[in-house]
């Protein structure tokens, strides 16, 4: 998993809290989602946005 920090919104030193905007990138391989690129126009990867298209692990 990778975290890309976009913006620090605020820091509360007294309560040790930071508020920020960030992008999360996580990748995993699942043999059930593999295909032969030669059969599908040499497409080697696809992206899914958040939603119910495919199961995604809960990240807190």
PDB file of N, CA and C in Angstrom:
ATOM      1  N   UNK A   1       0.838  -1.165   0.000  1.00  0.00           N
ATOM      2  CA  UNK A   1       0.000   0.000   0.000  1.00  0.00           C
ATOM      3  C   UNK A   1       0.888   1.234   0.000  1.00  0.00           C
ATOM      4  N   UNK A   2       0.453   2.259  -0.718  1.00  0.00           N
ATOM      5  CA  UNK A   2       1.176   3.530  -0.753  1.00  0.00           C
ATOM      6  C   UNK A   2       0.209   4.648  -0.397  1.00  0.00           C
ATOM      7  N   UNK A   3       0.724   5.658   0.287  1.00  0.00           N
ATOM      8  CA  UNK A   3      -0.061   6.832   0.653  1.00  0.00           C
ATOM      9  C   UNK A   3       0.596   8.047   0.015  1.00  0.00           C
ATOM     10  N   UNK A   4      -0.188   8.805  -0.730  1.00  0.00           N
ATOM     11  CA  UNK A   4       0.302  10.022  -1.364  1.00  0.00           C
ATOM     12  C   UNK A   4      -0.334  11.215  -0.661  1.00  0.00           C
ATOM     13  N   UNK A   5       0.452  11.941   0.105  1.00  0.00           N
ATOM     14  CA  UNK A   5      -0.036  13.102   0.830  1.00  0.00           C
ATOM     15  C   UNK A   5      -0.315  14.236  -0.146  1.00  0.00           C
ATOM     16  N   UNK A   6      -1.533  14.761  -0.124  1.00  0.00           N
ATOM     17  CA  UNK A   6      -1.923  15.851  -1.009  1.00  0.00           C
ATOM     18  C   UNK A   6      -1.926  17.200  -0.294  1.00  0.00           C
ATOM     19  N   UNK A   7      -2.409  17.210   0.952  1.00  0.00           N
ATOM     20  CA  UNK A   7      -2.575  18.484   1.641  1.00  0.00           C
ATOM     21  C   UNK A   7      -2.701  18.247   3.143  1.00  0.00           C
ATOM     22  N   UNK A   8      -2.010  19.057   3.935  1.00  0.00           N
ATOM     23  CA  UNK A   8      -2.211  19.067   5.381  1.00  0.00           C
ATOM     24  C   UNK A   8      -3.245  20.149   5.664  1.00  0.00           C
ATOM     25  N   UNK A   9      -4.374  19.746   6.211  1.00  0.00           N
ATOM     26  CA  UNK A   9      -5.469  20.676   6.469  1.00  0.00           C
ATOM     27  C   UNK A   9      -5.299  21.348   7.826  1.00  0.00           C
ATOM     28  N   UNK A  10      -4.918  20.562   8.824  1.00  0.00           N
ATOM     29  CA  UNK A  10      -4.752  21.145  10.149  1.00  0.00           C
ATOM     30  C   UNK A  10      -4.006  20.213  11.079  1.00  0.00           C
ATOM     31  N   UNK A  11      -3.397  20.814  12.114  1.00  0.00           N
ATOM     32  CA  UNK A  11      -2.661  20.050  13.120  1.00  0.00           C
ATOM     33  C   UNK A  11      -3.109  20.545  14.490  1.00  0.00           C
ATOM     34  N   UNK A  12      -3.538  19.617  15.340  1.00  0.00           N
ATOM     35  CA  UNK A  12      -3.907  19.926  16.718  1.00  0.00           C
ATOM     36  C   UNK A  12      -2.866  19.266  17.612  1.00  0.00           C
ATOM     37  N   UNK A  13      -1.847  20.019  17.983  1.00  0.00           N
ATOM     38  CA  UNK A  13      -0.741  19.458  18.765  1.00  0.00           C
ATOM     39  C   UNK A  13      -1.198  18.997  20.140  1.00  0.00           C
ATOM     40  N   UNK A  14      -2.090  19.746  20.758  1.00  0.00           N
ATOM     41  CA  UNK A  14      -2.561  19.407  22.099  1.00  0.00           C
ATOM     42  C   UNK A  14      -3.205  18.021  22.126  1.00  0.00           C
ATOM     43  N   UNK A  15      -4.068  17.741  21.156  1.00  0.00           N
ATOM     44  CA  UNK A  15      -4.766  16.449  21.094  1.00  0.00           C
ATOM     45  C   UNK A  15      -4.064  15.435  20.196  1.00  0.00           C
ATOM     46  N   UNK A  16      -2.936  15.813  19.639  1.00  0.00           N
ATOM     47  CA  UNK A  16      -2.143  14.960  18.750  1.00  0.00           C
ATOM     48  C   UNK A  16      -2.982  14.408  17.593  1.00  0.00           C
ATOM     49  N   UNK A  17      -3.638  15.343  16.890  1.00  0.00           N
ATOM     50  CA  UNK A  17      -4.493  14.989  15.761  1.00  0.00           C
ATOM     51  C   UNK A  17      -4.040  15.785  14.542  1.00  0.00           C
ATOM     52  N   UNK A  18      -3.987  15.108  13.397  1.00  0.00           N
ATOM     53  CA  UNK A  18      -3.672  15.779  12.138  1.00  0.00           C
ATOM     54  C   UNK A  18      -4.791  15.455  11.150  1.00  0.00           C
ATOM     55  N   UNK A  19      -5.207  16.458  10.402  1.00  0.00           N
ATOM     56  CA  UNK A  19      -6.228  16.280   9.381  1.00  0.00           C
ATOM     57  C   UNK A  19      -5.574  16.532   8.032  1.00  0.00           C
ATOM     58  N   UNK A  20      -5.764  15.592   7.082  1.00  0.00           N
ATOM     59  CA  UNK A  20      -5.101  15.728   5.794  1.00  0.00           C
ATOM     60  C   UNK A  20      -5.911  15.106   4.677  1.00  0.00           C
ATOM     61  N   UNK A  21      -5.540  15.453   3.458  1.00  0.00           N
ATOM     62  CA  UNK A  21      -6.069  14.818   2.250  1.00  0.00           C
ATOM     63  C   UNK A  21      -4.962  13.941   1.688  1.00  0.00           C
ATOM     64  N   UNK A  22      -5.312  12.712   1.317  1.00  0.00           N
ATOM     65  CA  UNK A  22      -4.313  11.794   0.778  1.00  0.00           C
ATOM     66  C   UNK A  22      -4.974  10.809  -0.179  1.00  0.00           C
ATOM     67  N   UNK A  23      -4.178  10.280  -1.086  1.00  0.00           N
ATOM     68  CA  UNK A  23      -4.595   9.200  -1.977  1.00  0.00           C
ATOM     69  C   UNK A  23      -4.007   7.906  -1.440  1.00  0.00           C
ATOM     70  N   UNK A  24      -4.804   6.846  -1.432  1.00  0.00           N
ATOM     71  CA  UNK A  24      -4.314   5.520  -1.063  1.00  0.00           C
ATOM     72  C   UNK A  24      -4.226   4.676  -2.326  1.00  0.00           C
ATOM     73  N   UNK A  25      -3.130   3.978  -2.464  1.00  0.00           N
ATOM     74  CA  UNK A  25      -2.968   3.063  -3.593  1.00  0.00           C
ATOM     75  C   UNK A  25      -2.585   1.711  -3.018  1.00  0.00           C
ATOM     76  N   UNK A  26      -3.415   0.711  -3.301  1.00  0.00           N
ATOM     77  CA  UNK A  26      -3.087  -0.631  -2.867  1.00  0.00           C
ATOM     78  C   UNK A  26      -3.318  -1.597  -4.024  1.00  0.00           C
ATOM     79  N   UNK A  27      -2.435  -2.560  -4.122  1.00  0.00           N
ATOM     80  CA  UNK A  27      -2.443  -3.493  -5.242  1.00  0.00           C
ATOM     81  C   UNK A  27      -2.307  -4.908  -4.708  1.00  0.00           C
ATOM     82  N   UNK A  28      -3.047  -5.824  -5.278  1.00  0.00           N
ATOM     83  CA  UNK A  28      -2.856  -7.222  -4.956  1.00  0.00           C
ATOM     84  C   UNK A  28      -3.134  -8.049  -6.203  1.00  0.00           C
ATOM     85  N   UNK A  29      -2.591  -9.230  -6.235  1.00  0.00           N
ATOM     86  CA  UNK A  29      -2.758 -10.116  -7.389  1.00  0.00           C
ATOM     87  C   UNK A  29      -3.727 -11.234  -7.026  1.00  0.00           C
ATOM     88  N   UNK A  30      -4.646 -11.523  -7.926  1.00  0.00           N
ATOM     89  CA  UNK A  30      -5.614 -12.600  -7.731  1.00  0.00           C
ATOM     90  C   UNK A  30      -5.691 -13.369  -9.047  1.00  0.00           C
ATOM     91  N   UNK A  31      -5.313 -14.621  -9.025  1.00  0.00           N
ATOM     92  CA  UNK A  31      -5.279 -15.419 -10.249  1.00  0.00           C
ATOM     93  C   UNK A  31      -6.655 -15.489 -10.922  1.00  0.00           C
ATOM     94  N   UNK A  32      -7.730 -15.302 -10.163  1.00  0.00           N
ATOM     95  CA  UNK A  32      -9.079 -15.359 -10.745  1.00  0.00           C
ATOM     96  C   UNK A  32      -9.394 -14.127 -11.589  1.00  0.00           C
ATOM     97  N   UNK A  33      -8.560 -13.102 -11.474  1.00  0.00           N
ATOM     98  CA  UNK A  33      -8.766 -11.883 -12.248  1.00  0.00           C
ATOM     99  C   UNK A  33      -7.714 -11.719 -13.340  1.00  0.00           C
ATOM    100  N   UNK A  34      -7.095 -12.801 -13.740  1.00  0.00           N
ATOM    101  CA  UNK A  34      -6.050 -12.720 -14.765  1.00  0.00           C
ATOM    102  C   UNK A  34      -6.606 -13.155 -16.121  1.00  0.00           C
ATOM    103  N   UNK A  35      -5.923 -12.742 -17.176  1.00  0.00           N
ATOM    104  CA  UNK A  35      -6.310 -13.079 -18.531  1.00  0.00           C
ATOM    105  C   UNK A  35      -5.086 -13.041 -19.421  1.00  0.00           C
ATOM    106  N   UNK A  36      -5.241 -13.532 -20.617  1.00  0.00           N
ATOM    107  CA  UNK A  36      -4.173 -13.520 -21.607  1.00  0.00           C
ATOM    108  C   UNK A  36      -4.294 -12.222 -22.412  1.00  0.00           C
ATOM    109  N   UNK A  37      -3.354 -11.279 -22.246  1.00  0.00           N
ATOM    110  CA  UNK A  37      -3.448  -9.999 -22.962  1.00  0.00           C
ATOM    111  C   UNK A  37      -3.551 -10.157 -24.481  1.00  0.00           C
ATOM    112  N   UNK A  38      -2.950 -11.190 -25.045  1.00  0.00           N
ATOM    113  CA  UNK A  38      -2.997 -11.392 -26.500  1.00  0.00           C
ATOM    114  C   UNK A  38      -4.434 -11.612 -26.991  1.00  0.00           C
ATOM    115  N   UNK A  39      -5.293 -12.145 -26.138  1.00  0.00           N
ATOM    116  CA  UNK A  39      -6.686 -12.396 -26.519  1.00  0.00           C
ATOM    117  C   UNK A  39      -7.577 -11.165 -26.343  1.00  0.00           C
ATOM    118  N   UNK A  40      -7.061 -10.141 -25.685  1.00  0.00           N
ATOM    119  CA  UNK A  40      -7.886  -8.972 -25.367  1.00  0.00           C
ATOM    120  C   UNK A  40      -7.187  -7.668 -25.745  1.00  0.00           C
ATOM    121  N   UNK A  41      -6.695  -7.613 -26.967  1.00  0.00           N
ATOM    122  CA  UNK A  41      -6.112  -6.380 -27.492  1.00  0.00           C
ATOM    123  C   UNK A  41      -4.894  -5.894 -26.734  1.00  0.00           C
ATOM    124  N   UNK A  42      -4.130  -6.822 -26.174  1.00  0.00           N
ATOM    125  CA  UNK A  42      -2.906  -6.503 -25.416  1.00  0.00           C
ATOM    126  C   UNK A  42      -3.169  -5.648 -24.170  1.00  0.00           C
ATOM    127  N   UNK A  43      -4.395  -5.691 -23.666  1.00  0.00           N
ATOM    128  CA  UNK A  43      -4.708  -4.994 -22.409  1.00  0.00           C
ATOM    129  C   UNK A  43      -4.086  -5.789 -21.272  1.00  0.00           C
ATOM    130  N   UNK A  44      -3.220  -5.130 -20.508  1.00  0.00           N
ATOM    131  CA  UNK A  44      -2.475  -5.817 -19.451  1.00  0.00           C
ATOM    132  C   UNK A  44      -2.951  -5.456 -18.052  1.00  0.00           C
ATOM    133  N   UNK A  45      -3.680  -4.351 -17.921  1.00  0.00           N
ATOM    134  CA  UNK A  45      -4.182  -3.970 -16.599  1.00  0.00           C
ATOM    135  C   UNK A  45      -5.446  -3.138 -16.755  1.00  0.00           C
ATOM    136  N   UNK A  46      -6.233  -3.119 -15.703  1.00  0.00           N
ATOM    137  CA  UNK A  46      -7.449  -2.311 -15.656  1.00  0.00           C
ATOM    138  C   UNK A  46      -7.526  -1.640 -14.294  1.00  0.00           C
ATOM    139  N   UNK A  47      -8.285  -0.555 -14.223  1.00  0.00           N
ATOM    140  CA  UNK A  47      -8.496   0.147 -12.953  1.00  0.00           C
ATOM    141  C   UNK A  47      -9.973   0.092 -12.599  1.00  0.00           C
ATOM    142  N   UNK A  48     -10.231  -0.043 -11.315  1.00  0.00           N
ATOM    143  CA  UNK A  48     -11.590  -0.006 -10.805  1.00  0.00           C
ATOM    144  C   UNK A  48     -11.698   1.137  -9.813  1.00  0.00           C
ATOM    145  N   UNK A  49     -12.747   1.925  -9.921  1.00  0.00           N
ATOM    146  CA  UNK A  49     -12.985   2.957  -8.922  1.00  0.00           C
ATOM    147  C   UNK A  49     -13.675   2.319  -7.722  1.00  0.00           C
ATOM    148  N   UNK A  50     -13.745   3.035  -6.637  1.00  0.00           N
ATOM    149  CA  UNK A  50     -14.418   2.524  -5.450  1.00  0.00           C
ATOM    150  C   UNK A  50     -15.861   2.192  -5.790  1.00  0.00           C
ATOM    151  N   UNK A  51     -16.349   1.150  -5.200  1.00  0.00           N
ATOM    152  CA  UNK A  51     -17.723   0.740  -5.447  1.00  0.00           C
ATOM    153  C   UNK A  51     -17.870  -0.746  -5.232  1.00  0.00           C
ATOM    154  N   UNK A  52     -18.898  -1.309  -5.813  1.00  0.00           N
ATOM    155  CA  UNK A  52     -19.189  -2.727  -5.620  1.00  0.00           C
ATOM    156  C   UNK A  52     -18.832  -3.568  -6.829  1.00  0.00           C
ATOM    157  N   UNK A  53     -18.000  -3.059  -7.726  1.00  0.00           N
ATOM    158  CA  UNK A  53     -17.617  -3.805  -8.914  1.00  0.00           C
ATOM    159  C   UNK A  53     -16.824  -5.045  -8.546  1.00  0.00           C
ATOM    160  N   UNK A  54     -15.958  -4.907  -7.570  1.00  0.00           N
ATOM    161  CA  UNK A  54     -15.077  -5.992  -7.158  1.00  0.00           C
ATOM    162  C   UNK A  54     -14.800  -5.833  -5.667  1.00  0.00           C
ATOM    163  N   UNK A  55     -14.602  -6.938  -4.975  1.00  0.00           N
ATOM    164  CA  UNK A  55     -14.347  -6.875  -3.534  1.00  0.00           C
ATOM    165  C   UNK A  55     -13.058  -6.119  -3.256  1.00  0.00           C
ATOM    166  N   UNK A  56     -13.102  -5.272  -2.242  1.00  0.00           N
ATOM    167  CA  UNK A  56     -11.923  -4.541  -1.795  1.00  0.00           C
ATOM    168  C   UNK A  56     -11.806  -4.713  -0.291  1.00  0.00           C
ATOM    169  N   UNK A  57     -10.603  -4.910   0.218  1.00  0.00           N
ATOM    170  CA  UNK A  57     -10.446  -5.066   1.667  1.00  0.00           C
ATOM    171  C   UNK A  57     -10.745  -3.756   2.386  1.00  0.00           C
ATOM    172  N   UNK A  58     -11.308  -3.868   3.588  1.00  0.00           N
ATOM    173  CA  UNK A  58     -11.549  -2.680   4.406  1.00  0.00           C
ATOM    174  C   UNK A  58     -10.223  -2.157   4.924  1.00  0.00           C
ATOM    175  N   UNK A  59      -9.996  -0.866   4.753  1.00  0.00           N
ATOM    176  CA  UNK A  59      -8.778  -0.228   5.250  1.00  0.00           C
ATOM    177  C   UNK A  59      -9.220   0.889   6.174  1.00  0.00           C
ATOM    178  N   UNK A  60      -8.774   0.824   7.403  1.00  0.00           N
ATOM    179  CA  UNK A  60      -9.160   1.853   8.378  1.00  0.00           C
ATOM    180  C   UNK A  60      -8.162   2.966   8.391  1.00  0.00           C
TER     181      UNK A  60
END
